[in-house]
Structures are given as C-alpha cells and as structure tokens.
Amino acid sequence: MKKSLSKLAIVVVAFTIYFILDDLFFNELRNWLNQIINQFGISHIIIYIISGIPLFVAAFFLHKPKKVTESFGVNRSLLKGVIFAFVCTAPMLIGYTIVYSINVDLTLNTFLVSAVSAAFFEELFYRGFLYGQLYRYTKFGFLPSVFIGAFLFALIHLYQSNEFSTLAGIFLTTFLGAILFAWVYSEWNHNIWVPISIHFFMNFFWMLFSAGENALGGLYANIFRVISVILVIALTILYKKKNGQQLEINRNTVWMKKASEV
C-alpha cells in the first residue's frame, strides 16, 4: 500500500502543478505564440504540449523510459480505436445530418482547438495520466482512480455558461462522460486511442452541425448522443464476450485491487 500511496502522491502533485500552470498561463502563452506564428490552432496545440511537461516528467519518474508510452496507452492500435469510435458515433453523424444543417461558420482553428486538441490532450492527460497511472499501477480501483479526474474534467467545462441550471447540466454531462471515457479506456486494454477517437468524433459532429451551444445541448442532440453512448457500452461488452474476456471493471476492481492484480 505504501507504493500505491507514493505513486498517488507523485500523480496528484504532477497534475496539480499542470492544472495550476495551465489555468494561470495557458491563454497568455497561446496568444503570445499566436502573435508570432499567426496560427491560433497550432499555437493552441504547441502550448498544450508544453503544459503537459509536468505530467511527462512524472511518467518518466514512475516508469522506465521505454515504458512511458505504454503507461499512457499510446502504443496501442490507432486504427482499432478510430474504427470502433466511428461505428459508435455514427448515429450522431446520421441523426445530425437529418435534423440540422452543416455549420458553414466552422473554421480550421475551431476544429483544431475544439475537436483535435480537446480530444487528444484531454484524454491523454485526464485518462492516460491522472486516471490511468492510478488505476493501472496502484491498488486503487476504478472509482477511487476516476473520481478526481472526472470532477476536474467537469470543472474545466463550466466556462460554457453562467446560468446555474445549465452549469449543473454541463457538469453532470461532462462528469459522466469522463467516467465513460475512463471505463472504455480500461476495457479496450488501456488503448488511449479509443477514448480519444470517441471524444474526437463526438466533438466534431457536434460542432459540424451546431448541435448545441455548449456541452449540454438540446433534446435532439442528446437523443443521438445517448444512442452513441449506448453503442459504446454495448459493443464493448459484446466484443469482450465474443473474445472470451472478462470485463476489466468488475467487483474485484471497482474499489481496491489485490496485489496480484496491480
């Protein structure tokens, strides 16, 4: 248990440093870089990479250099993640095509910031690092490992509104989304490309058709999003049953894991 607590301390300290520095300096540095290269989306991506340095350093401290990419799950199959995610989110694409019109105001910068960067870095940092390092390399089970990350993930999306009821809806939606992304990450052998791809397609289809002004969205937007979520869960369970695999998140891993399971 001492090793688990020491790893917990390293992960929490590293993520706290990242979170504080990101909150204080991200926008300022991005705007400064954008003035130099005159490309907002690329500036956003570059500063995101720089802001993740505390997490990358912590990962090198926790693992051997050759194991760092594996610890995040980036060495898994990208193609599998993309195909699975596209199949699951197809109801959003089809449904939004029927109900909404294409957003002609969508720009490359918006695409890079809200689809590419949001999906890749949020999943890499919140699921690959904050959740993944705790769940995979300590005795902590799914719920203790996922809670902090899900709470913070929901918190960073509250800029989208000032109305209390809308904020509550955004918080609940993104909190549950974070739990879903963590669950699917673990069930697909900690393949980070699976939640990244799901996150990407959900965000992209949402903005491509202007399905909602914020993460909460309206009735039709959520009907098709819920169908996609159900597909993510159902197809994951069916895939594992077909391959004779036990679900990773079960009663033996939901709270605390035995030493043999770490």
C-alpha atoms as a PDB file:
ATOM      1  CA  MET A   1       0.000   0.000   0.000  1.00  0.00           C
ATOM      2  CA  LYS A   2       2.947   2.342   0.638  1.00  0.00           C
ATOM      3  CA  LYS A   3       3.995   2.090  -3.025  1.00  0.00           C
ATOM      4  CA  SER A   4       0.448   2.909  -4.096  1.00  0.00           C
ATOM      5  CA  LEU A   5       0.365   5.954  -1.829  1.00  0.00           C
ATOM      6  CA  SER A   6       3.740   7.178  -3.082  1.00  0.00           C
ATOM      7  CA  LYS A   7       2.571   6.823  -6.695  1.00  0.00           C
ATOM      8  CA  LEU A   8      -0.663   8.578  -5.776  1.00  0.00           C
ATOM      9  CA  ALA A   9       1.355  11.465  -4.333  1.00  0.00           C
ATOM     10  CA  ILE A  10       3.501  11.775  -7.469  1.00  0.00           C
ATOM     11  CA  VAL A  11       0.475  11.708  -9.782  1.00  0.00           C
ATOM     12  CA  VAL A  12      -1.522  14.202  -7.728  1.00  0.00           C
ATOM     13  CA  VAL A  13       1.396  16.625  -7.294  1.00  0.00           C
ATOM     14  CA  ALA A  14       2.290  16.490 -11.005  1.00  0.00           C
ATOM     15  CA  PHE A  15      -1.304  17.002 -12.090  1.00  0.00           C
ATOM     16  CA  THR A  16      -1.803  19.822  -9.592  1.00  0.00           C
ATOM     17  CA  ILE A  17       1.260  21.614 -10.989  1.00  0.00           C
ATOM     18  CA  TYR A  18      -0.040  21.113 -14.533  1.00  0.00           C
ATOM     19  CA  PHE A  19      -3.558  22.232 -13.615  1.00  0.00           C
ATOM     20  CA  ILE A  20      -2.433  25.417 -11.853  1.00  0.00           C
ATOM     21  CA  LEU A  21       0.085  26.429 -14.515  1.00  0.00           C
ATOM     22  CA  ASP A  22      -2.440  25.685 -17.242  1.00  0.00           C
ATOM     23  CA  ASP A  23      -5.049  27.855 -15.542  1.00  0.00           C
ATOM     24  CA  LEU A  24      -2.633  30.733 -14.953  1.00  0.00           C
ATOM     25  CA  PHE A  25      -0.583  30.860 -18.139  1.00  0.00           C
ATOM     26  CA  PHE A  26      -2.135  28.789 -20.952  1.00  0.00           C
ATOM     27  CA  ASN A  27      -4.175  31.525 -22.633  1.00  0.00           C
ATOM     28  CA  GLU A  28      -1.438  34.123 -22.233  1.00  0.00           C
ATOM     29  CA  LEU A  29       1.234  31.868 -23.765  1.00  0.00           C
ATOM     30  CA  ARG A  30      -1.063  30.741 -26.566  1.00  0.00           C
ATOM     31  CA  ASN A  31      -1.904  34.328 -27.508  1.00  0.00           C
ATOM     32  CA  TRP A  32       1.780  35.279 -27.362  1.00  0.00           C
ATOM     33  CA  LEU A  33       2.735  32.413 -29.673  1.00  0.00           C
ATOM     34  CA  ASN A  34      -0.168  33.184 -31.980  1.00  0.00           C
ATOM     35  CA  GLN A  35       1.163  36.710 -32.450  1.00  0.00           C
ATOM     36  CA  ILE A  36       4.441  35.192 -33.659  1.00  0.00           C
ATOM     37  CA  ILE A  37       3.230  32.406 -35.962  1.00  0.00           C
ATOM     38  CA  ASN A  38      -0.243  33.798 -36.708  1.00  0.00           C
ATOM     39  CA  GLN A  39      -1.942  30.402 -36.407  1.00  0.00           C
ATOM     40  CA  PHE A  40      -4.244  30.120 -33.407  1.00  0.00           C
ATOM     41  CA  GLY A  41      -4.993  26.405 -33.662  1.00  0.00           C
ATOM     42  CA  ILE A  42      -1.341  25.382 -33.985  1.00  0.00           C
ATOM     43  CA  SER A  43      -0.422  27.737 -31.130  1.00  0.00           C
ATOM     44  CA  HIS A  44      -3.069  26.021 -29.003  1.00  0.00           C
ATOM     45  CA  ILE A  45      -1.603  22.584 -29.733  1.00  0.00           C
ATOM     46  CA  ILE A  46       2.002  23.650 -29.064  1.00  0.00           C
ATOM     47  CA  ILE A  47       1.159  25.239 -25.709  1.00  0.00           C
ATOM     48  CA  TYR A  48      -0.873  22.158 -24.780  1.00  0.00           C
ATOM     49  CA  ILE A  49       2.235  20.037 -25.361  1.00  0.00           C
ATOM     50  CA  ILE A  50       4.354  22.392 -23.252  1.00  0.00           C
ATOM     51  CA  SER A  51       1.764  22.495 -20.464  1.00  0.00           C
ATOM     52  CA  GLY A  52       1.904  18.706 -20.224  1.00  0.00           C
ATOM     53  CA  ILE A  53       5.611  18.664 -19.318  1.00  0.00           C
ATOM     54  CA  PRO A  54       4.951  18.093 -15.560  1.00  0.00           C
ATOM     55  CA  LEU A  55       2.914  15.020 -16.466  1.00  0.00           C
ATOM     56  CA  PHE A  56       5.522  13.670 -18.867  1.00  0.00           C
ATOM     57  CA  VAL A  57       8.276  14.188 -16.279  1.00  0.00           C
ATOM     58  CA  ALA A  58       6.216  12.369 -13.646  1.00  0.00           C
ATOM     59  CA  ALA A  59       5.603   9.469 -16.044  1.00  0.00           C
ATOM     60  CA  PHE A  60       9.362   9.152 -16.657  1.00  0.00           C
ATOM     61  CA  PHE A  61       9.862   9.179 -12.890  1.00  0.00           C
ATOM     62  CA  LEU A  62       7.271   6.434 -12.378  1.00  0.00           C
ATOM     63  CA  HIS A  63       8.382   4.182 -15.249  1.00  0.00           C
ATOM     64  CA  LYS A  64      11.411   3.177 -17.251  1.00  0.00           C
ATOM     65  CA  PRO A  65      11.826   5.344 -20.395  1.00  0.00           C
ATOM     66  CA  LYS A  66      10.734   2.511 -22.676  1.00  0.00           C
ATOM     67  CA  LYS A  67       7.532   2.050 -20.638  1.00  0.00           C
ATOM     68  CA  VAL A  68       6.338   5.648 -20.679  1.00  0.00           C
ATOM     69  CA  THR A  69       4.357   5.469 -23.932  1.00  0.00           C
ATOM     70  CA  GLU A  70       2.885   2.150 -22.808  1.00  0.00           C
ATOM     71  CA  SER A  71       1.818   3.681 -19.499  1.00  0.00           C
ATOM     72  CA  PHE A  72      -0.294   6.237 -21.375  1.00  0.00           C
ATOM     73  CA  GLY A  73      -1.614   3.628 -23.826  1.00  0.00           C
ATOM     74  CA  VAL A  74      -0.404   5.421 -26.955  1.00  0.00           C
ATOM     75  CA  ASN A  75       1.410   2.298 -28.172  1.00  0.00           C
ATOM     76  CA  ARG A  76      -1.898   0.528 -28.802  1.00  0.00           C
ATOM     77  CA  SER A  77      -3.761   0.284 -32.141  1.00  0.00           C
ATOM     78  CA  LEU A  78      -4.844   3.661 -33.522  1.00  0.00           C
ATOM     79  CA  LEU A  79      -6.845   2.027 -36.332  1.00  0.00           C
ATOM     80  CA  LYS A  80      -8.877  -0.082 -33.903  1.00  0.00           C
ATOM     81  CA  GLY A  81      -9.696   2.992 -31.856  1.00  0.00           C
ATOM     82  CA  VAL A  82     -10.780   5.029 -34.883  1.00  0.00           C
ATOM     83  CA  ILE A  83     -12.944   2.281 -36.423  1.00  0.00           C
ATOM     84  CA  PHE A  84     -14.688   1.440 -33.151  1.00  0.00           C
ATOM     85  CA  ALA A  85     -15.298   5.105 -32.345  1.00  0.00           C
ATOM     86  CA  PHE A  86     -16.681   5.913 -35.800  1.00  0.00           C
ATOM     87  CA  VAL A  87     -19.110   2.981 -35.690  1.00  0.00           C
ATOM     88  CA  CYS A  88     -20.346   4.008 -32.240  1.00  0.00           C
ATOM     89  CA  THR A  89     -20.741   7.697 -33.084  1.00  0.00           C
ATOM     90  CA  ALA A  90     -22.331   7.091 -36.498  1.00  0.00           C
ATOM     91  CA  PRO A  91     -25.826   7.716 -35.028  1.00  0.00           C
ATOM     92  CA  MET A  92     -24.711  11.266 -34.177  1.00  0.00           C
ATOM     93  CA  LEU A  93     -23.459  11.849 -37.719  1.00  0.00           C
ATOM     94  CA  ILE A  94     -26.574  10.369 -39.340  1.00  0.00           C
ATOM     95  CA  GLY A  95     -29.025  11.938 -36.913  1.00  0.00           C
ATOM     96  CA  TYR A  96     -27.476  15.395 -37.028  1.00  0.00           C
ATOM     97  CA  THR A  97     -27.384  15.229 -40.838  1.00  0.00           C
ATOM     98  CA  ILE A  98     -31.150  14.700 -40.814  1.00  0.00           C
ATOM     99  CA  VAL A  99     -32.056  17.196 -38.081  1.00  0.00           C
ATOM    100  CA  TYR A 100     -29.516  20.000 -38.516  1.00  0.00           C
ATOM    101  CA  SER A 101     -27.742  21.917 -41.249  1.00  0.00           C
ATOM    102  CA  ILE A 102     -23.969  21.937 -41.645  1.00  0.00           C
ATOM    103  CA  ASN A 103     -22.249  24.730 -39.739  1.00  0.00           C
ATOM    104  CA  VAL A 104     -20.774  26.849 -42.532  1.00  0.00           C
ATOM    105  CA  ASP A 105     -19.018  29.040 -39.954  1.00  0.00           C
ATOM    106  CA  LEU A 106     -16.806  26.191 -38.713  1.00  0.00           C
ATOM    107  CA  THR A 107     -13.164  27.226 -39.073  1.00  0.00           C
ATOM    108  CA  LEU A 108      -9.888  25.334 -39.082  1.00  0.00           C
ATOM    109  CA  ASN A 109      -8.913  26.955 -35.791  1.00  0.00           C
ATOM    110  CA  THR A 110     -12.141  25.833 -34.135  1.00  0.00           C
ATOM    111  CA  PHE A 111     -11.610  22.333 -35.488  1.00  0.00           C
ATOM    112  CA  LEU A 112      -8.027  22.186 -34.156  1.00  0.00           C
ATOM    113  CA  VAL A 113      -8.956  23.604 -30.763  1.00  0.00           C
ATOM    114  CA  SER A 114     -12.323  22.004 -30.011  1.00  0.00           C
ATOM    115  CA  ALA A 115     -12.006  18.677 -31.828  1.00  0.00           C
ATOM    116  CA  VAL A 116      -8.342  17.704 -32.271  1.00  0.00           C
ATOM    117  CA  SER A 117      -6.753  19.289 -29.194  1.00  0.00           C
ATOM    118  CA  ALA A 118      -9.689  18.733 -26.854  1.00  0.00           C
ATOM    119  CA  ALA A 119      -9.935  15.051 -27.721  1.00  0.00           C
ATOM    120  CA  PHE A 120      -6.229  14.235 -27.784  1.00  0.00           C
ATOM    121  CA  PHE A 121      -4.858  16.194 -24.856  1.00  0.00           C
ATOM    122  CA  GLU A 122      -7.826  15.889 -22.502  1.00  0.00           C
ATOM    123  CA  GLU A 123      -7.836  12.118 -22.920  1.00  0.00           C
ATOM    124  CA  LEU A 124      -4.048  11.846 -22.716  1.00  0.00           C
ATOM    125  CA  PHE A 125      -3.832  13.994 -19.584  1.00  0.00           C
ATOM    126  CA  TYR A 126      -7.034  13.093 -17.734  1.00  0.00           C
ATOM    127  CA  ARG A 127      -7.464   9.454 -18.733  1.00  0.00           C
ATOM    128  CA  GLY A 128      -3.962   8.369 -19.787  1.00  0.00           C
ATOM    129  CA  PHE A 129      -2.215  10.069 -16.868  1.00  0.00           C
ATOM    130  CA  LEU A 130      -4.484  11.081 -13.985  1.00  0.00           C
ATOM    131  CA  TYR A 131      -6.789   8.070 -14.168  1.00  0.00           C
ATOM    132  CA  GLY A 132      -4.528   5.584 -15.915  1.00  0.00           C
ATOM    133  CA  GLN A 133      -1.473   5.897 -13.688  1.00  0.00           C
ATOM    134  CA  LEU A 134      -3.609   5.406 -10.584  1.00  0.00           C
ATOM    135  CA  TYR A 135      -5.792   2.570 -11.819  1.00  0.00           C
ATOM    136  CA  ARG A 136      -3.106   0.623 -13.646  1.00  0.00           C
ATOM    137  CA  TYR A 137      -0.162   0.991 -11.282  1.00  0.00           C
ATOM    138  CA  THR A 138      -1.641   1.212  -7.787  1.00  0.00           C
ATOM    139  CA  LYS A 139      -4.073  -0.803  -5.677  1.00  0.00           C
ATOM    140  CA  PHE A 140      -6.760   1.789  -6.160  1.00  0.00           C
ATOM    141  CA  GLY A 141      -9.770   0.521  -8.065  1.00  0.00           C
ATOM    142  CA  PHE A 142     -11.863   2.181 -10.738  1.00  0.00           C
ATOM    143  CA  LEU A 143     -13.987   4.541  -8.656  1.00  0.00           C
ATOM    144  CA  PRO A 144     -11.191   5.965  -6.455  1.00  0.00           C
ATOM    145  CA  SER A 145      -8.984   6.374  -9.537  1.00  0.00           C
ATOM    146  CA  VAL A 146     -11.577   8.016 -11.754  1.00  0.00           C
ATOM    147  CA  PHE A 147     -13.274  10.406  -9.323  1.00  0.00           C
ATOM    148  CA  ILE A 148     -10.701  13.224  -9.119  1.00  0.00           C
ATOM    149  CA  GLY A 149     -10.152  13.299 -12.865  1.00  0.00           C
ATOM    150  CA  ALA A 150     -13.888  13.217 -13.626  1.00  0.00           C
ATOM    151  CA  PHE A 151     -14.526  16.063 -11.175  1.00  0.00           C
ATOM    152  CA  LEU A 152     -11.769  18.250 -12.636  1.00  0.00           C
ATOM    153  CA  PHE A 153     -12.758  17.337 -16.186  1.00  0.00           C
ATOM    154  CA  ALA A 154     -16.303  18.525 -15.479  1.00  0.00           C
ATOM    155  CA  LEU A 155     -14.981  21.617 -13.722  1.00  0.00           C
ATOM    156  CA  ILE A 156     -12.956  22.850 -16.703  1.00  0.00           C
ATOM    157  CA  HIS A 157     -16.069  22.835 -18.893  1.00  0.00           C
ATOM    158  CA  LEU A 158     -18.046  25.219 -16.695  1.00  0.00           C
ATOM    159  CA  TYR A 159     -16.834  28.251 -18.658  1.00  0.00           C
ATOM    160  CA  GLN A 160     -19.554  27.467 -21.196  1.00  0.00           C
ATOM    161  CA  SER A 161     -22.395  29.140 -19.288  1.00  0.00           C
ATOM    162  CA  ASN A 162     -23.309  31.475 -16.422  1.00  0.00           C
ATOM    163  CA  GLU A 163     -26.777  30.067 -15.740  1.00  0.00           C
ATOM    164  CA  PHE A 164     -26.934  27.711 -12.741  1.00  0.00           C
ATOM    165  CA  SER A 165     -29.250  25.091 -14.241  1.00  0.00           C
ATOM    166  CA  THR A 166     -27.190  24.955 -17.434  1.00  0.00           C
ATOM    167  CA  LEU A 167     -23.967  24.742 -15.430  1.00  0.00           C
ATOM    168  CA  ALA A 168     -25.381  21.852 -13.414  1.00  0.00           C
ATOM    169  CA  GLY A 169     -26.301  20.054 -16.630  1.00  0.00           C
ATOM    170  CA  ILE A 170     -22.877  20.684 -18.176  1.00  0.00           C
ATOM    171  CA  PHE A 171     -21.148  19.455 -15.012  1.00  0.00           C
ATOM    172  CA  LEU A 172     -23.201  16.249 -14.862  1.00  0.00           C
ATOM    173  CA  THR A 173     -22.818  15.570 -18.590  1.00  0.00           C
ATOM    174  CA  THR A 174     -19.039  16.012 -18.633  1.00  0.00           C
ATOM    175  CA  PHE A 175     -18.593  14.209 -15.285  1.00  0.00           C
ATOM    176  CA  LEU A 176     -20.397  11.140 -16.593  1.00  0.00           C
ATOM    177  CA  GLY A 177     -18.566  11.483 -19.902  1.00  0.00           C
ATOM    178  CA  ALA A 178     -15.236  11.344 -18.080  1.00  0.00           C
ATOM    179  CA  ILE A 179     -16.315   8.150 -16.312  1.00  0.00           C
ATOM    180  CA  LEU A 180     -17.378   6.630 -19.640  1.00  0.00           C
ATOM    181  CA  PHE A 181     -14.080   7.541 -21.308  1.00  0.00           C
ATOM    182  CA  ALA A 182     -12.111   6.042 -18.407  1.00  0.00           C
ATOM    183  CA  TRP A 183     -14.205   2.875 -18.472  1.00  0.00           C
ATOM    184  CA  VAL A 184     -13.826   2.344 -22.224  1.00  0.00           C
ATOM    185  CA  TYR A 185     -10.101   3.127 -21.955  1.00  0.00           C
ATOM    186  CA  SER A 186      -9.634   0.280 -19.486  1.00  0.00           C
ATOM    187  CA  GLU A 187     -11.976  -2.173 -21.222  1.00  0.00           C
ATOM    188  CA  TRP A 188     -10.089  -1.777 -24.507  1.00  0.00           C
ATOM    189  CA  ASN A 189      -6.804  -2.866 -22.928  1.00  0.00           C
ATOM    190  CA  HIS A 190      -5.922   0.706 -21.968  1.00  0.00           C
ATOM    191  CA  ASN A 191      -5.839   1.777 -25.582  1.00  0.00           C
ATOM    192  CA  ILE A 192      -5.924   5.572 -25.264  1.00  0.00           C
ATOM    193  CA  TRP A 193      -6.841   5.896 -28.953  1.00  0.00           C
ATOM    194  CA  VAL A 194     -10.308   4.521 -28.208  1.00  0.00           C
ATOM    195  CA  PRO A 195     -11.457   7.350 -25.894  1.00  0.00           C
ATOM    196  CA  ILE A 196      -9.516   9.899 -27.951  1.00  0.00           C
ATOM    197  CA  SER A 197     -11.351   8.817 -31.114  1.00  0.00           C
ATOM    198  CA  ILE A 198     -14.771   8.713 -29.431  1.00  0.00           C
ATOM    199  CA  HIS A 199     -14.152  12.148 -27.912  1.00  0.00           C
ATOM    200  CA  PHE A 200     -12.984  13.485 -31.267  1.00  0.00           C
ATOM    201  CA  PHE A 201     -15.939  12.260 -33.325  1.00  0.00           C
ATOM    202  CA  MET A 202     -18.461  13.370 -30.695  1.00  0.00           C
ATOM    203  CA  ASN A 203     -16.976  16.861 -30.571  1.00  0.00           C
ATOM    204  CA  PHE A 204     -16.535  17.102 -34.341  1.00  0.00           C
ATOM    205  CA  PHE A 205     -20.070  16.016 -35.235  1.00  0.00           C
ATOM    206  CA  TRP A 206     -21.429  18.295 -32.501  1.00  0.00           C
ATOM    207  CA  MET A 207     -19.708  21.374 -33.958  1.00  0.00           C
ATOM    208  CA  LEU A 208     -20.073  20.340 -37.606  1.00  0.00           C
ATOM    209  CA  PHE A 209     -23.838  20.608 -37.255  1.00  0.00           C
ATOM    210  CA  SER A 210     -24.021  23.155 -34.402  1.00  0.00           C
ATOM    211  CA  ALA A 211     -25.913  20.608 -32.308  1.00  0.00           C
ATOM    212  CA  GLY A 212     -25.655  22.770 -29.191  1.00  0.00           C
ATOM    213  CA  GLU A 213     -24.243  25.998 -27.848  1.00  0.00           C
ATOM    214  CA  ASN A 214     -22.452  24.098 -25.040  1.00  0.00           C
ATOM    215  CA  ALA A 215     -21.748  20.564 -23.832  1.00  0.00           C
ATOM    216  CA  LEU A 216     -25.307  20.161 -22.512  1.00  0.00           C
ATOM    217  CA  GLY A 217     -27.120  20.514 -25.819  1.00  0.00           C
ATOM    218  CA  GLY A 218     -30.818  20.144 -26.599  1.00  0.00           C
ATOM    219  CA  LEU A 219     -33.282  17.275 -26.958  1.00  0.00           C
ATOM    220  CA  TYR A 220     -32.434  16.005 -30.443  1.00  0.00           C
ATOM    221  CA  ALA A 221     -28.712  16.494 -29.941  1.00  0.00           C
ATOM    222  CA  ASN A 222     -28.815  14.330 -26.827  1.00  0.00           C
ATOM    223  CA  ILE A 223     -31.057  11.630 -28.274  1.00  0.00           C
ATOM    224  CA  PHE A 224     -28.407  10.746 -30.837  1.00  0.00           C
ATOM    225  CA  ARG A 225     -25.582  11.229 -28.329  1.00  0.00           C
ATOM    226  CA  VAL A 226     -27.246   8.816 -25.902  1.00  0.00           C
ATOM    227  CA  ILE A 227     -27.649   6.249 -28.684  1.00  0.00           C
ATOM    228  CA  SER A 228     -23.915   6.564 -29.376  1.00  0.00           C
ATOM    229  CA  VAL A 229     -23.094   6.118 -25.687  1.00  0.00           C
ATOM    230  CA  ILE A 230     -25.270   3.007 -25.535  1.00  0.00           C
ATOM    231  CA  LEU A 231     -23.423   1.626 -28.561  1.00  0.00           C
ATOM    232  CA  VAL A 232     -20.054   2.319 -26.929  1.00  0.00           C
ATOM    233  CA  ILE A 233     -21.079   0.322 -23.856  1.00  0.00           C
ATOM    234  CA  ALA A 234     -22.970  -2.464 -25.631  1.00  0.00           C
ATOM    235  CA  LEU A 235     -20.399  -3.104 -28.372  1.00  0.00           C
ATOM    236  CA  THR A 236     -17.563  -3.085 -25.829  1.00  0.00           C
ATOM    237  CA  ILE A 237     -19.331  -5.733 -23.725  1.00  0.00           C
ATOM    238  CA  LEU A 238     -20.195  -7.816 -26.802  1.00  0.00           C
ATOM    239  CA  TYR A 239     -16.619  -7.598 -28.110  1.00  0.00           C
ATOM    240  CA  LYS A 240     -15.184  -8.835 -24.836  1.00  0.00           C
ATOM    241  CA  LYS A 241     -17.707 -11.653 -24.522  1.00  0.00           C
ATOM    242  CA  LYS A 242     -17.035 -12.759 -28.105  1.00  0.00           C
ATOM    243  CA  ASN A 243     -13.315 -12.919 -27.329  1.00  0.00           C
ATOM    244  CA  GLY A 244     -13.862 -14.706 -24.025  1.00  0.00           C
ATOM    245  CA  GLN A 245     -12.547 -11.788 -21.985  1.00  0.00           C
ATOM    246  CA  GLN A 246     -13.774 -10.746 -18.561  1.00  0.00           C
ATOM    247  CA  LEU A 247     -14.735  -7.122 -18.090  1.00  0.00           C
ATOM    248  CA  GLU A 248     -11.780  -5.195 -16.655  1.00  0.00           C
ATOM    249  CA  ILE A 249     -14.018  -3.170 -14.347  1.00  0.00           C
ATOM    250  CA  ASN A 250     -15.783  -5.645 -12.096  1.00  0.00           C
ATOM    251  CA  ARG A 251     -16.489  -6.186  -8.415  1.00  0.00           C
ATOM    252  CA  ASN A 252     -12.838  -7.104  -7.814  1.00  0.00           C
ATOM    253  CA  THR A 253     -11.507  -3.903  -9.357  1.00  0.00           C
ATOM    254  CA  VAL A 254     -14.182  -1.299  -8.687  1.00  0.00           C
ATOM    255  CA  TRP A 255     -12.872  -0.204  -5.252  1.00  0.00           C
ATOM    256  CA  MET A 256      -9.490  -1.711  -4.364  1.00  0.00           C
ATOM    257  CA  LYS A 257      -7.399  -4.271  -6.207  1.00  0.00           C
ATOM    258  CA  LYS A 258      -5.421  -7.149  -4.803  1.00  0.00           C
ATOM    259  CA  ALA A 259      -1.632  -7.026  -5.068  1.00  0.00           C
ATOM    260  CA  SER A 260      -1.702  -9.720  -7.767  1.00  0.00           C
ATOM    261  CA  GLU A 261      -3.907  -7.502  -9.947  1.00  0.00           C
ATOM    262  CA  VAL A 262      -1.566  -4.470  -9.878  1.00  0.00           C
END
